[in-house]
């Protein structure tokens, strides 16, 4: 099964066994890629050594950025694991708040999505309202 087939599938086929297997594999691949990227960033940070002060400052700045990126990627791992758990429970692809389908197109872009686009937008607006 490929993305085009998924996007063209009938509504009544939503989250059938074949689609769930597709997304489970995509999530497994995403987890492996994310762990590899984290390891690569970790190696990049630990290997850099220079004696020149300006070079050292540049490397430290790059290391701080790499640490932030690695931390963001590290936060993705539990989301991937939770999505795979929802596949096993039969809840994957449905909004946690409304129970409505999240949609194939959205899941292809963000396979860890927990909410349909409308609920996600409302939740983001609420968050931004409380931040200000």
Protein backbone atom coordinates (compact mmCIF):
# COMPACT_ATOMS: atom_id res chain seq x y z
CA UNK A 1 0.00 0.00 0.00
CA UNK A 2 1.27 3.47 -0.86
CA UNK A 3 0.17 7.03 -0.05
CA UNK A 4 -1.86 7.46 -3.25
CA UNK A 5 -3.79 4.26 -2.57
CA UNK A 6 -4.45 5.42 0.98
CA UNK A 7 -5.67 8.83 -0.13
CA UNK A 8 -7.98 7.28 -2.74
CA UNK A 9 -9.45 4.64 -0.40
CA UNK A 10 -13.18 4.58 0.25
CA UNK A 11 -14.41 6.11 3.51
CA UNK A 12 -15.73 2.76 4.71
CA UNK A 13 -12.17 1.38 4.47
CA UNK A 14 -10.87 3.98 6.96
CA UNK A 15 -8.38 2.41 9.37
CA UNK A 16 -8.82 -1.12 8.08
CA UNK A 17 -6.10 -3.68 8.85
CA UNK A 18 -4.05 -2.78 5.78
CA UNK A 19 -4.08 0.94 6.61
CA UNK A 20 -3.21 0.26 10.24
CA UNK A 21 -0.29 -1.90 9.13
CA UNK A 22 0.89 0.89 6.82
CA UNK A 23 0.86 3.48 9.61
CA UNK A 24 2.42 1.09 12.12
CA UNK A 25 5.33 0.57 9.72
CA UNK A 26 5.58 4.31 9.08
CA UNK A 27 5.72 4.94 12.84
CA UNK A 28 8.36 2.24 13.32
CA UNK A 29 10.46 3.81 10.56
CA UNK A 30 9.97 7.28 12.06
CA UNK A 31 11.11 5.99 15.46
CA UNK A 32 14.27 4.45 13.97
CA UNK A 33 15.04 7.61 11.96
CA UNK A 34 14.47 9.83 14.99
CA UNK A 35 16.74 7.74 17.22
CA UNK A 36 19.43 7.75 14.50
CA UNK A 37 19.16 11.54 14.17
CA UNK A 38 19.46 11.97 17.95
CA UNK A 39 22.55 9.75 18.00
CA UNK A 40 24.06 11.65 15.08
CA UNK A 41 23.50 14.96 16.86
CA UNK A 42 25.00 13.53 20.04
CA UNK A 43 28.11 12.40 18.17
CA UNK A 44 28.37 15.76 16.42
CA UNK A 45 28.33 17.56 19.76
CA UNK A 46 30.92 15.33 21.44
CA UNK A 47 33.40 15.16 18.56
CA UNK A 48 33.92 18.89 18.05
CA UNK A 49 37.13 20.16 19.68
CA UNK A 50 39.01 23.34 18.77
CA UNK A 51 41.52 25.60 20.46
CA UNK A 52 40.75 28.94 18.79
CA UNK A 53 38.44 31.03 21.00
CA UNK A 54 36.19 32.30 18.19
CA UNK A 55 35.89 28.81 16.73
CA UNK A 56 35.09 27.46 20.18
CA UNK A 57 32.33 30.06 20.65
CA UNK A 58 30.83 29.13 17.28
CA UNK A 59 30.96 25.43 18.15
CA UNK A 60 29.33 26.06 21.52
CA UNK A 61 26.52 27.96 19.84
CA UNK A 62 26.06 25.16 17.31
CA UNK A 63 26.11 22.62 20.15
CA UNK A 64 23.34 24.50 21.98
CA UNK A 65 21.23 24.44 18.82
CA UNK A 66 21.97 20.73 18.28
CA UNK A 67 20.96 19.98 21.88
CA UNK A 68 17.64 21.78 21.36
CA UNK A 69 17.01 19.85 18.16
CA UNK A 70 17.91 16.55 19.84
CA UNK A 71 15.61 17.36 22.76
CA UNK A 72 12.73 18.07 20.39
CA UNK A 73 13.37 14.82 18.58
CA UNK A 74 13.61 12.96 21.89
CA UNK A 75 10.14 14.27 22.80
CA UNK A 76 8.79 12.67 19.62
CA UNK A 77 9.64 9.12 20.75
CA UNK A 78 6.86 8.85 23.40
CA UNK A 79 4.38 10.29 20.88
CA UNK A 80 5.36 7.60 18.37
CA UNK A 81 5.04 4.91 21.04
CA UNK A 82 1.61 6.24 22.06
CA UNK A 83 0.44 6.24 18.42
CA UNK A 84 1.56 2.63 18.02
CA UNK A 85 -0.30 1.76 21.23
CA UNK A 86 -3.46 3.34 19.77
CA UNK A 87 -3.00 1.12 16.69
CA UNK A 88 -2.89 -1.95 18.92
CA UNK A 89 -5.98 -0.75 20.83
CA UNK A 90 -7.91 0.08 17.65
CA UNK A 91 -8.14 3.82 18.41
CA UNK A 92 -5.57 5.05 15.90
CA UNK A 93 -6.76 7.59 13.35
CA UNK A 94 -9.59 8.91 15.51
CA UNK A 95 -9.63 12.20 17.42
CA UNK A 96 -9.09 11.63 21.15
CA UNK A 97 -11.55 14.40 21.95
CA UNK A 98 -14.39 13.92 19.47
CA UNK A 99 -13.91 10.36 18.19
CA UNK A 100 -14.12 11.69 14.62
CA UNK A 101 -11.67 10.44 11.97
CA UNK A 102 -8.46 12.46 11.87
CA UNK A 103 -8.11 11.79 8.16
CA UNK A 104 -5.56 10.00 6.03
CA UNK A 105 -4.03 13.20 4.62
CA UNK A 106 -3.33 14.58 8.12
CA UNK A 107 -1.94 11.24 9.34
CA UNK A 108 0.38 11.04 6.35
CA UNK A 109 1.82 14.43 7.32
CA UNK A 110 1.80 13.79 11.08
CA UNK A 111 1.39 10.09 11.87
CA UNK A 112 1.45 10.84 15.61
CA UNK A 113 -1.62 13.13 15.37
CA UNK A 114 -4.06 12.67 18.24
CA UNK A 115 -6.67 15.23 17.25
CA UNK A 116 -8.58 16.16 14.11
CA UNK A 117 -7.57 19.47 12.56
CA UNK A 118 -10.57 21.39 13.96
CA UNK A 119 -9.94 20.31 17.56
CA UNK A 120 -6.21 20.94 17.21
CA UNK A 121 -6.91 24.49 15.97
CA UNK A 122 -9.30 25.16 18.88
CA UNK A 123 -6.80 23.78 21.40
CA UNK A 124 -3.99 25.91 19.97
CA UNK A 125 -6.18 29.01 20.19
CA UNK A 126 -6.97 28.22 23.83
CA UNK A 127 -3.25 27.76 24.58
CA UNK A 128 -2.32 31.04 22.93
CA UNK A 129 -5.14 32.79 24.80
CA UNK A 130 -3.78 31.58 28.17
CA UNK A 131 -0.20 32.52 27.23
CA UNK A 132 -1.12 36.18 26.72
